[in-house]
Amino acid sequence: MKVRVSLGLAMAACALLAPSVALPQAASPVHAAPADAAEPQLHLYLEQAAEAMHKGDLASADEKLRSALRIDPHSLAALNNLGIVLAREGKPAEAIPFYQEALRVRPGDLATKRNLAVAYFKAQHYRSAWSLLQPMTAEYPGDFQILDLSGLCLFALDRYAEAAQYLERADQSDPTDLETLDILGKAYLRIKNYKALASVFERIMKLNPNSATAHIMMGTAYDEMSNRADSSSDASVMRTTSRSSALTSVPGIGSSLRNGNQVLLRQGGTIFVGRLGSFRREGDGFP
């Protein structure tokens, strides 16, 4: 009799425990299967997008990256690359939200912050770009791209003296970059620091003696000093450069070049062209 009672109790206990043990085991594969199945597809979309970007097929890359984000809305690679694709398509304003989301996924990611700063700049959101770049200049004090873009943002905000400081630091980081020196010279011209402008002119001449923009800057500075009553000390610094030599030493230079200066900006290894006049109001060209 004791044996029967023990057996009955054991069977009853098994009946009570069976549901609590079996349910988690059955539920686990149901939730895991979609993730396992989606992961290879996500990687496939990312690989296809990368190949399309390499070939220059931006429309296809855009499509594949959006498909990847439908699988994983927080994919850092998909968010960053879609931002890059949109920027290359000339849609920097549309790229901004994707970079912002990427930073929420991985706060402090340097590559994403660089991309976002460039997108802000290209979309003419100069204050937002500078707010992002300013702490980066302290964290990476010798980074050419960060310093150069900071100077460009400050120039666009009409903060020429501050722009010159960052562009000087960028020049120290890479003394061979003519575009940086070109904007640096324009910043000094805006604040009428002719001695500093003469120094920039000398640096440009060492790299490119036939630089049209450098000669035009010096010719403009000479004109401005000629109209100032207190220009004798500045004129002595630049006595070796007259308007005649500035414009005739490079054949074919005319006043039309003053509204046609182009600035090369960098995004990683990519270079895109913008116009100095677009930094400010429409039609407000150099200088």
Foldseek 3Di string as FASTA:
>chain_A
DVVVVVVVVVVVVCVVCVVVVPVVVVVVCVVVVVVVVVVVLLVVLLVQLVVCVVVVVLVSNLVSLVVSCVSPVQPLSSLQVNLVSCVVVVNLVVNQVSLVSSCVSPPPDPLSLLSNLVSCVSVLVLVVSLVSLVVVCVVCVLDLQSLLSNLLSCVLVVVLVVSLVSLVSSCVSPVQDVLSLLSNLLSCLSVLVLLVNLVSLVSVCVNPVQDLSSLVSLQVSQVVLVPDPPNPVSCVSVVVRYNVCSQVVHPPDDPVVQQVDWHWHDNPPDTDIDFPCVSYDPPPTHD
